[in-house]
């Protein structure tokens, strides 16, 4: 069992405090679902729906990239220039 599970409702990683799914959890999920990429996308899609409810201020595209978009790329591809999902509503 991983220590890199989501901390709700802020969706940070319980193991490293990065936005969940963190790089460690992504590697673990790739290994767990190596022969079932569609199942991985469905699994993460359910989390995406929950996260969208918990973080209504987060742009839908950023949430999609964070939860599902990375699954379509090989593990060694870096997504440069992608904006992170904001940690909370903009106070100003």
C-alpha atoms as a PDB file:
ATOM      1  CA  UNK A   1       0.000   0.000   0.000  1.00  0.00           C
ATOM      2  CA  UNK A   2       1.275   3.444  -0.875  1.00  0.00           C
ATOM      3  CA  UNK A   3       1.766   6.359   1.461  1.00  0.00           C
ATOM      4  CA  UNK A   4       1.182   8.662  -1.505  1.00  0.00           C
ATOM      5  CA  UNK A   5      -2.595   8.845  -1.283  1.00  0.00           C
ATOM      6  CA  UNK A   6      -4.711  11.981  -1.667  1.00  0.00           C
ATOM      7  CA  UNK A   7      -5.433  14.230   1.310  1.00  0.00           C
ATOM      8  CA  UNK A   8      -8.950  15.548   0.826  1.00  0.00           C
ATOM      9  CA  UNK A   9     -10.401  18.072   0.173  1.00  0.00           C
ATOM     10  CA  UNK A  10      -7.170  19.845  -0.792  1.00  0.00           C
ATOM     11  CA  UNK A  11      -5.892  17.003  -3.006  1.00  0.00           C
ATOM     12  CA  UNK A  12      -2.310  17.095  -1.839  1.00  0.00           C
ATOM     13  CA  UNK A  13      -0.225  13.955  -1.449  1.00  0.00           C
ATOM     14  CA  UNK A  14      -0.148  12.408   2.016  1.00  0.00           C
ATOM     15  CA  UNK A  15       3.396  11.174   1.432  1.00  0.00           C
ATOM     16  CA  UNK A  16       5.196  14.193  -0.018  1.00  0.00           C
ATOM     17  CA  UNK A  17       2.667  17.077   0.133  1.00  0.00           C
ATOM     18  CA  UNK A  18       2.845  17.709  -3.641  1.00  0.00           C
ATOM     19  CA  UNK A  19      -0.354  18.024  -5.691  1.00  0.00           C
ATOM     20  CA  UNK A  20      -1.918  14.565  -6.002  1.00  0.00           C
ATOM     21  CA  UNK A  21      -1.253  12.426  -7.974  1.00  0.00           C
ATOM     22  CA  UNK A  22       2.384  13.213  -7.254  1.00  0.00           C
ATOM     23  CA  UNK A  23       5.236  11.880  -9.417  1.00  0.00           C
ATOM     24  CA  UNK A  24       5.738   8.912  -7.065  1.00  0.00           C
ATOM     25  CA  UNK A  25       2.070   7.935  -7.184  1.00  0.00           C
ATOM     26  CA  UNK A  26       2.034   8.354 -10.965  1.00  0.00           C
ATOM     27  CA  UNK A  27       4.930   5.883 -11.247  1.00  0.00           C
ATOM     28  CA  UNK A  28       3.122   3.479  -8.923  1.00  0.00           C
ATOM     29  CA  UNK A  29      -0.110   3.785 -10.903  1.00  0.00           C
ATOM     30  CA  UNK A  30       1.716   3.206 -14.210  1.00  0.00           C
ATOM     31  CA  UNK A  31       3.151  -0.003 -12.768  1.00  0.00           C
ATOM     32  CA  UNK A  32      -0.175  -1.132 -11.268  1.00  0.00           C
ATOM     33  CA  UNK A  33      -2.086  -0.495 -14.510  1.00  0.00           C
ATOM     34  CA  UNK A  34       0.681  -1.349 -16.975  1.00  0.00           C
ATOM     35  CA  UNK A  35      -1.590  -3.730 -18.908  1.00  0.00           C
ATOM     36  CA  UNK A  36      -4.789  -1.733 -18.451  1.00  0.00           C
ATOM     37  CA  UNK A  37      -4.387   1.914 -19.542  1.00  0.00           C
ATOM     38  CA  UNK A  38      -8.125   2.417 -20.068  1.00  0.00           C
ATOM     39  CA  UNK A  39      -8.817   1.170 -16.546  1.00  0.00           C
ATOM     40  CA  UNK A  40      -6.227   3.623 -15.243  1.00  0.00           C
ATOM     41  CA  UNK A  41      -7.957   6.489 -17.054  1.00  0.00           C
ATOM     42  CA  UNK A  42     -11.358   5.430 -15.667  1.00  0.00           C
ATOM     43  CA  UNK A  43      -9.935   5.125 -12.146  1.00  0.00           C
ATOM     44  CA  UNK A  44      -8.390   8.587 -12.340  1.00  0.00           C
ATOM     45  CA  UNK A  45     -11.516   9.993 -13.987  1.00  0.00           C
ATOM     46  CA  UNK A  46     -13.489   9.171 -10.854  1.00  0.00           C
ATOM     47  CA  UNK A  47     -10.925  11.095  -8.806  1.00  0.00           C
ATOM     48  CA  UNK A  48     -11.110  13.964 -11.298  1.00  0.00           C
ATOM     49  CA  UNK A  49     -14.852  14.296 -10.694  1.00  0.00           C
ATOM     50  CA  UNK A  50     -14.332  14.355  -6.914  1.00  0.00           C
ATOM     51  CA  UNK A  51     -11.512  16.897  -7.201  1.00  0.00           C
ATOM     52  CA  UNK A  52     -13.621  19.158  -9.425  1.00  0.00           C
ATOM     53  CA  UNK A  53     -16.299  19.196  -6.730  1.00  0.00           C
ATOM     54  CA  UNK A  54     -13.735  19.931  -3.989  1.00  0.00           C
ATOM     55  CA  UNK A  55     -11.854  22.585  -5.988  1.00  0.00           C
ATOM     56  CA  UNK A  56     -14.424  24.578  -7.994  1.00  0.00           C
ATOM     57  CA  UNK A  57     -11.875  27.376  -8.506  1.00  0.00           C
ATOM     58  CA  UNK A  58      -9.500  25.093 -10.427  1.00  0.00           C
ATOM     59  CA  UNK A  59      -9.657  25.345 -14.242  1.00  0.00           C
ATOM     60  CA  UNK A  60     -11.105  22.201 -15.817  1.00  0.00           C
ATOM     61  CA  UNK A  61      -8.201  21.874 -18.259  1.00  0.00           C
ATOM     62  CA  UNK A  62      -5.632  21.999 -15.463  1.00  0.00           C
ATOM     63  CA  UNK A  63      -7.510  19.343 -13.513  1.00  0.00           C
ATOM     64  CA  UNK A  64      -7.724  17.152 -16.615  1.00  0.00           C
ATOM     65  CA  UNK A  65      -3.959  17.414 -17.211  1.00  0.00           C
ATOM     66  CA  UNK A  66      -3.256  16.728 -13.547  1.00  0.00           C
ATOM     67  CA  UNK A  67      -5.491  13.682 -13.178  1.00  0.00           C
ATOM     68  CA  UNK A  68      -5.740  12.115 -16.638  1.00  0.00           C
ATOM     69  CA  UNK A  69      -3.651  13.942 -19.240  1.00  0.00           C
ATOM     70  CA  UNK A  70      -0.333  12.531 -18.025  1.00  0.00           C
ATOM     71  CA  UNK A  71      -1.507   8.959 -18.642  1.00  0.00           C
ATOM     72  CA  UNK A  72      -1.371   9.456 -22.426  1.00  0.00           C
ATOM     73  CA  UNK A  73       2.350  10.250 -22.434  1.00  0.00           C
ATOM     74  CA  UNK A  74       5.311   7.944 -21.906  1.00  0.00           C
ATOM     75  CA  UNK A  75       6.752   8.256 -18.389  1.00  0.00           C
ATOM     76  CA  UNK A  76       9.903  10.024 -19.600  1.00  0.00           C
ATOM     77  CA  UNK A  77       8.033  12.865 -21.367  1.00  0.00           C
ATOM     78  CA  UNK A  78       8.053  16.080 -19.360  1.00  0.00           C
ATOM     79  CA  UNK A  79       5.182  18.507 -19.655  1.00  0.00           C
ATOM     80  CA  UNK A  80       7.015  21.803 -19.704  1.00  0.00           C
ATOM     81  CA  UNK A  81       5.104  25.033 -19.549  1.00  0.00           C
ATOM     82  CA  UNK A  82       1.961  23.575 -18.003  1.00  0.00           C
ATOM     83  CA  UNK A  83       0.423  25.717 -15.304  1.00  0.00           C
ATOM     84  CA  UNK A  84      -0.162  23.933 -11.980  1.00  0.00           C
ATOM     85  CA  UNK A  85      -3.626  23.754 -10.453  1.00  0.00           C
ATOM     86  CA  UNK A  86      -4.042  26.610  -7.966  1.00  0.00           C
ATOM     87  CA  UNK A  87      -3.944  25.586  -4.294  1.00  0.00           C
ATOM     88  CA  UNK A  88      -7.069  27.558  -3.458  1.00  0.00           C
ATOM     89  CA  UNK A  89      -9.330  30.398  -4.492  1.00  0.00           C
ATOM     90  CA  UNK A  90      -7.610  33.628  -5.429  1.00  0.00           C
ATOM     91  CA  UNK A  91      -7.857  35.924  -2.366  1.00  0.00           C
ATOM     92  CA  UNK A  92      -7.656  39.073  -4.426  1.00  0.00           C
END
